[in-house]
């Protein structure tokens, strides 16, 4: 059975920290692949600052070109909105019965996991891999880069350089889309 890590988020935009985290979790947890699940709508986040779904997907796919075992997915684009993790995991399990899915979340989300829809069902049916985030610990120890999508958007709007914060392949596009 193929082991797949599901790393959901708005990836607004994807950055080097996302990529490094996905690679580290894949290696450390023995996953065959990690799918970055680009979310069209996060029920816990404001939508005002969100770049178009397809543009975020395009950036993620381009950023992951040549990254072994990690890919960006539009799977949630085809599910009812808003996107709830339980719905995604449940549907993935039906569509890919030969795969075992693992949920990757940050320690900050884990601290409030009981707010998630069907959280008990998620825990009953899926392994959750928690990575450290800010002051929140994780269940795995992975190196985290001190970078955030919010910081990148702010830098672009302020006309500052984002070199080294996003994969080089998408730097110009990020500067263009988020200006």
C-alpha atoms as a PDB file:
ATOM      1  CA  UNK A   1       0.000   0.000   0.000  1.00  0.00           C
ATOM      2  CA  UNK A   2       1.361   3.391  -1.013  1.00  0.00           C
ATOM      3  CA  UNK A   3       1.874   5.871   1.856  1.00  0.00           C
ATOM      4  CA  UNK A   4       0.826   9.415   0.969  1.00  0.00           C
ATOM      5  CA  UNK A   5       1.185  12.494   3.152  1.00  0.00           C
ATOM      6  CA  UNK A   6      -1.494  15.150   2.671  1.00  0.00           C
ATOM      7  CA  UNK A   7      -0.174  18.646   3.362  1.00  0.00           C
ATOM      8  CA  UNK A   8      -3.071  21.052   2.932  1.00  0.00           C
ATOM      9  CA  UNK A   9      -3.010  24.806   2.780  1.00  0.00           C
ATOM     10  CA  UNK A  10      -3.688  27.883   0.762  1.00  0.00           C
ATOM     11  CA  UNK A  11      -0.008  28.137  -0.309  1.00  0.00           C
ATOM     12  CA  UNK A  12      -0.527  31.844  -0.841  1.00  0.00           C
ATOM     13  CA  UNK A  13       2.235  31.666  -2.098  1.00  0.00           C
ATOM     14  CA  UNK A  14       4.187  28.444  -1.710  1.00  0.00           C
ATOM     15  CA  UNK A  15       7.650  29.093  -0.281  1.00  0.00           C
ATOM     16  CA  UNK A  16      10.917  27.306   0.459  1.00  0.00           C
ATOM     17  CA  UNK A  17       9.696  26.348   3.931  1.00  0.00           C
ATOM     18  CA  UNK A  18       6.748  24.409   2.497  1.00  0.00           C
ATOM     19  CA  UNK A  19       9.006  22.527   0.100  1.00  0.00           C
ATOM     20  CA  UNK A  20      11.681  21.745   2.702  1.00  0.00           C
ATOM     21  CA  UNK A  21       9.051  20.593   5.203  1.00  0.00           C
ATOM     22  CA  UNK A  22       7.355  18.282   2.696  1.00  0.00           C
ATOM     23  CA  UNK A  23      10.705  16.727   1.778  1.00  0.00           C
ATOM     24  CA  UNK A  24      11.779  16.290   5.404  1.00  0.00           C
ATOM     25  CA  UNK A  25       8.479  14.706   6.462  1.00  0.00           C
ATOM     26  CA  UNK A  26       8.503  12.399   3.449  1.00  0.00           C
ATOM     27  CA  UNK A  27      11.976  11.153   4.308  1.00  0.00           C
ATOM     28  CA  UNK A  28      11.590  11.000   8.100  1.00  0.00           C
ATOM     29  CA  UNK A  29       8.174   9.308   8.066  1.00  0.00           C
ATOM     30  CA  UNK A  30       8.906   6.903   5.215  1.00  0.00           C
ATOM     31  CA  UNK A  31       6.175   8.271   2.953  1.00  0.00           C
ATOM     32  CA  UNK A  32       6.158   7.397  -0.726  1.00  0.00           C
ATOM     33  CA  UNK A  33       4.838  10.826  -1.653  1.00  0.00           C
ATOM     34  CA  UNK A  34       3.618  14.092  -0.185  1.00  0.00           C
ATOM     35  CA  UNK A  35       0.748  15.834  -1.935  1.00  0.00           C
ATOM     36  CA  UNK A  36       0.447  19.563  -1.328  1.00  0.00           C
ATOM     37  CA  UNK A  37      -3.309  19.966  -1.353  1.00  0.00           C
ATOM     38  CA  UNK A  38      -3.900  23.508  -2.602  1.00  0.00           C
ATOM     39  CA  UNK A  39      -7.082  24.552  -0.851  1.00  0.00           C
ATOM     40  CA  UNK A  40      -9.611  26.698  -2.709  1.00  0.00           C
ATOM     41  CA  UNK A  41     -11.148  27.895   0.534  1.00  0.00           C
ATOM     42  CA  UNK A  42     -10.029  27.413   4.116  1.00  0.00           C
ATOM     43  CA  UNK A  43     -13.014  27.709   6.452  1.00  0.00           C
ATOM     44  CA  UNK A  44     -10.769  29.124   9.191  1.00  0.00           C
ATOM     45  CA  UNK A  45      -9.066  31.859   7.103  1.00  0.00           C
ATOM     46  CA  UNK A  46     -10.114  35.174   5.598  1.00  0.00           C
ATOM     47  CA  UNK A  47     -10.343  35.155   1.798  1.00  0.00           C
ATOM     48  CA  UNK A  48      -9.566  38.824   1.050  1.00  0.00           C
ATOM     49  CA  UNK A  49      -5.834  38.263   0.497  1.00  0.00           C
ATOM     50  CA  UNK A  50      -6.127  34.988  -1.415  1.00  0.00           C
ATOM     51  CA  UNK A  51      -4.702  34.780  -4.936  1.00  0.00           C
ATOM     52  CA  UNK A  52      -6.850  32.959  -7.520  1.00  0.00           C
ATOM     53  CA  UNK A  53      -6.965  29.186  -6.976  1.00  0.00           C
ATOM     54  CA  UNK A  54      -5.445  28.273 -10.340  1.00  0.00           C
ATOM     55  CA  UNK A  55      -2.612  30.788  -9.990  1.00  0.00           C
ATOM     56  CA  UNK A  56      -1.668  29.388  -6.563  1.00  0.00           C
ATOM     57  CA  UNK A  57      -1.779  25.880  -8.039  1.00  0.00           C
ATOM     58  CA  UNK A  58       0.380  26.980 -10.987  1.00  0.00           C
ATOM     59  CA  UNK A  59       2.960  28.498  -8.620  1.00  0.00           C
ATOM     60  CA  UNK A  60       3.021  25.368  -6.467  1.00  0.00           C
ATOM     61  CA  UNK A  61       3.389  23.046  -9.453  1.00  0.00           C
ATOM     62  CA  UNK A  62       6.187  25.136 -10.936  1.00  0.00           C
ATOM     63  CA  UNK A  63       7.949  25.376  -7.549  1.00  0.00           C
ATOM     64  CA  UNK A  64       7.871  21.582  -7.196  1.00  0.00           C
ATOM     65  CA  UNK A  65       9.181  20.712 -10.665  1.00  0.00           C
ATOM     66  CA  UNK A  66      12.056  18.294 -10.174  1.00  0.00           C
ATOM     67  CA  UNK A  67      11.298  17.754  -6.468  1.00  0.00           C
ATOM     68  CA  UNK A  68      11.173  13.965  -6.092  1.00  0.00           C
ATOM     69  CA  UNK A  69       8.073  12.576  -4.366  1.00  0.00           C
ATOM     70  CA  UNK A  70       6.345  15.907  -3.730  1.00  0.00           C
ATOM     71  CA  UNK A  71       3.593  17.299  -5.937  1.00  0.00           C
ATOM     72  CA  UNK A  72       0.881  19.959  -5.888  1.00  0.00           C
ATOM     73  CA  UNK A  73      -2.714  18.811  -6.253  1.00  0.00           C
ATOM     74  CA  UNK A  74      -5.947  20.491  -7.323  1.00  0.00           C
ATOM     75  CA  UNK A  75      -7.975  17.615  -5.845  1.00  0.00           C
ATOM     76  CA  UNK A  76      -9.922  19.899  -3.480  1.00  0.00           C
ATOM     77  CA  UNK A  77     -10.912  22.181  -6.375  1.00  0.00           C
ATOM     78  CA  UNK A  78     -13.346  19.454  -7.421  1.00  0.00           C
ATOM     79  CA  UNK A  79     -14.910  18.877  -4.000  1.00  0.00           C
ATOM     80  CA  UNK A  80     -17.791  20.799  -2.388  1.00  0.00           C
ATOM     81  CA  UNK A  81     -16.791  24.085  -0.780  1.00  0.00           C
ATOM     82  CA  UNK A  82     -15.780  25.030   1.780  1.00  0.00           C
ATOM     83  CA  UNK A  83     -12.988  22.478   1.904  1.00  0.00           C
ATOM     84  CA  UNK A  84     -12.983  20.456   5.087  1.00  0.00           C
ATOM     85  CA  UNK A  85     -10.088  18.086   5.739  1.00  0.00           C
ATOM     86  CA  UNK A  86     -12.397  15.206   6.698  1.00  0.00           C
ATOM     87  CA  UNK A  87     -14.214  15.444   3.350  1.00  0.00           C
ATOM     88  CA  UNK A  88     -10.921  15.496   1.462  1.00  0.00           C
ATOM     89  CA  UNK A  89      -9.420  12.534   3.327  1.00  0.00           C
ATOM     90  CA  UNK A  90     -12.624  10.510   3.091  1.00  0.00           C
ATOM     91  CA  UNK A  91     -12.958  11.133  -0.658  1.00  0.00           C
ATOM     92  CA  UNK A  92      -9.251  10.405  -1.258  1.00  0.00           C
ATOM     93  CA  UNK A  93      -9.633   7.070   0.535  1.00  0.00           C
ATOM     94  CA  UNK A  94     -12.558   6.177  -1.727  1.00  0.00           C
ATOM     95  CA  UNK A  95     -10.818   7.299  -4.927  1.00  0.00           C
ATOM     96  CA  UNK A  96      -7.441   5.736  -4.063  1.00  0.00           C
ATOM     97  CA  UNK A  97      -8.170   2.520  -2.121  1.00  0.00           C
ATOM     98  CA  UNK A  98      -4.590   1.318  -2.701  1.00  0.00           C
ATOM     99  CA  UNK A  99      -3.179   4.259  -0.715  1.00  0.00           C
ATOM    100  CA  UNK A 100      -2.836   4.972   2.984  1.00  0.00           C
ATOM    101  CA  UNK A 101      -3.178   8.680   3.756  1.00  0.00           C
ATOM    102  CA  UNK A 102      -1.409  10.603   6.499  1.00  0.00           C
ATOM    103  CA  UNK A 103      -2.394  14.132   7.492  1.00  0.00           C
ATOM    104  CA  UNK A 104       0.414  16.672   7.958  1.00  0.00           C
ATOM    105  CA  UNK A 105      -0.463  19.685  10.108  1.00  0.00           C
ATOM    106  CA  UNK A 106       1.388  22.308  12.082  1.00  0.00           C
ATOM    107  CA  UNK A 107       1.545  22.345  15.853  1.00  0.00           C
ATOM    108  CA  UNK A 108      -0.500  25.554  15.850  1.00  0.00           C
ATOM    109  CA  UNK A 109      -3.372  23.750  14.100  1.00  0.00           C
ATOM    110  CA  UNK A 110      -2.935  20.698  16.311  1.00  0.00           C
ATOM    111  CA  UNK A 111      -3.420  22.899  19.393  1.00  0.00           C
ATOM    112  CA  UNK A 112      -6.920  23.740  18.094  1.00  0.00           C
ATOM    113  CA  UNK A 113      -7.655  20.485  16.305  1.00  0.00           C
ATOM    114  CA  UNK A 114     -10.921  19.973  18.195  1.00  0.00           C
ATOM    115  CA  UNK A 115     -12.316  22.938  16.209  1.00  0.00           C
ATOM    116  CA  UNK A 116     -11.914  21.000  12.960  1.00  0.00           C
ATOM    117  CA  UNK A 117     -14.971  19.422  11.424  1.00  0.00           C
ATOM    118  CA  UNK A 118     -15.176  15.654  12.158  1.00  0.00           C
ATOM    119  CA  UNK A 119     -11.859  15.805  14.034  1.00  0.00           C
ATOM    120  CA  UNK A 120     -12.604  12.629  16.005  1.00  0.00           C
ATOM    121  CA  UNK A 121     -13.261  10.754  12.759  1.00  0.00           C
ATOM    122  CA  UNK A 122      -9.971  12.025  11.343  1.00  0.00           C
ATOM    123  CA  UNK A 123      -8.106  10.687  14.384  1.00  0.00           C
ATOM    124  CA  UNK A 124      -9.951   7.370  14.229  1.00  0.00           C
ATOM    125  CA  UNK A 125      -9.189   6.795  10.551  1.00  0.00           C
ATOM    126  CA  UNK A 126      -5.892   8.543   9.762  1.00  0.00           C
ATOM    127  CA  UNK A 127      -2.470   9.046  11.273  1.00  0.00           C
ATOM    128  CA  UNK A 128      -1.722  12.702  11.937  1.00  0.00           C
ATOM    129  CA  UNK A 129       1.851  13.919  11.612  1.00  0.00           C
ATOM    130  CA  UNK A 130       2.361  17.175  13.512  1.00  0.00           C
ATOM    131  CA  UNK A 131       5.301  19.391  12.628  1.00  0.00           C
ATOM    132  CA  UNK A 132       6.507  22.145  14.987  1.00  0.00           C
ATOM    133  CA  UNK A 133       5.288  25.636  14.217  1.00  0.00           C
ATOM    134  CA  UNK A 134       6.178  28.842  16.049  1.00  0.00           C
ATOM    135  CA  UNK A 135       6.012  28.013  19.760  1.00  0.00           C
ATOM    136  CA  UNK A 136       3.923  24.878  19.166  1.00  0.00           C
ATOM    137  CA  UNK A 137       5.729  21.517  19.317  1.00  0.00           C
ATOM    138  CA  UNK A 138       5.239  18.675  16.878  1.00  0.00           C
ATOM    139  CA  UNK A 139       5.317  14.887  16.922  1.00  0.00           C
ATOM    140  CA  UNK A 140       8.286  14.932  14.546  1.00  0.00           C
ATOM    141  CA  UNK A 141      11.456  16.956  14.608  1.00  0.00           C
ATOM    142  CA  UNK A 142      12.021  18.619  11.252  1.00  0.00           C
ATOM    143  CA  UNK A 143      14.044  21.704  10.392  1.00  0.00           C
ATOM    144  CA  UNK A 144      11.802  24.694   9.747  1.00  0.00           C
ATOM    145  CA  UNK A 145      12.741  27.749   7.732  1.00  0.00           C
ATOM    146  CA  UNK A 146      11.774  31.088   9.210  1.00  0.00           C
ATOM    147  CA  UNK A 147       9.561  32.231   6.345  1.00  0.00           C
ATOM    148  CA  UNK A 148       5.835  32.777   5.897  1.00  0.00           C
ATOM    149  CA  UNK A 149       3.506  33.452   2.993  1.00  0.00           C
ATOM    150  CA  UNK A 150       2.242  36.569   4.791  1.00  0.00           C
ATOM    151  CA  UNK A 151       5.798  37.918   5.053  1.00  0.00           C
ATOM    152  CA  UNK A 152       6.385  37.247   1.343  1.00  0.00           C
ATOM    153  CA  UNK A 153       3.182  39.067   0.316  1.00  0.00           C
ATOM    154  CA  UNK A 154       4.125  42.035   2.518  1.00  0.00           C
ATOM    155  CA  UNK A 155       7.639  42.204   1.086  1.00  0.00           C
ATOM    156  CA  UNK A 156       6.355  42.114  -2.499  1.00  0.00           C
ATOM    157  CA  UNK A 157       3.864  44.925  -1.805  1.00  0.00           C
ATOM    158  CA  UNK A 158       6.624  46.971  -0.164  1.00  0.00           C
ATOM    159  CA  UNK A 159       8.866  46.471  -3.200  1.00  0.00           C
ATOM    160  CA  UNK A 160      11.384  44.415  -1.218  1.00  0.00           C
ATOM    161  CA  UNK A 161      13.313  41.431  -2.578  1.00  0.00           C
ATOM    162  CA  UNK A 162      12.065  37.923  -1.853  1.00  0.00           C
ATOM    163  CA  UNK A 163      15.144  36.130  -3.150  1.00  0.00           C
ATOM    164  CA  UNK A 164      15.759  32.963  -1.141  1.00  0.00           C
ATOM    165  CA  UNK A 165      12.239  32.912   0.335  1.00  0.00           C
ATOM    166  CA  UNK A 166      10.533  31.202  -2.606  1.00  0.00           C
ATOM    167  CA  UNK A 167      11.964  28.695  -5.080  1.00  0.00           C
ATOM    168  CA  UNK A 168      13.891  30.548  -7.773  1.00  0.00           C
ATOM    169  CA  UNK A 169      11.627  29.113 -10.499  1.00  0.00           C
ATOM    170  CA  UNK A 170       8.653  31.158  -9.227  1.00  0.00           C
ATOM    171  CA  UNK A 171      10.294  34.287  -7.802  1.00  0.00           C
ATOM    172  CA  UNK A 172       9.389  36.531 -10.764  1.00  0.00           C
ATOM    173  CA  UNK A 173       5.830  35.176 -10.916  1.00  0.00           C
ATOM    174  CA  UNK A 174       5.292  35.743  -7.179  1.00  0.00           C
ATOM    175  CA  UNK A 175       6.543  39.309  -7.509  1.00  0.00           C
ATOM    176  CA  UNK A 176       4.184  39.854 -10.440  1.00  0.00           C
ATOM    177  CA  UNK A 177       1.058  38.217  -8.959  1.00  0.00           C
ATOM    178  CA  UNK A 178       1.292  39.681  -5.462  1.00  0.00           C
ATOM    179  CA  UNK A 179       2.271  43.242  -6.325  1.00  0.00           C
END
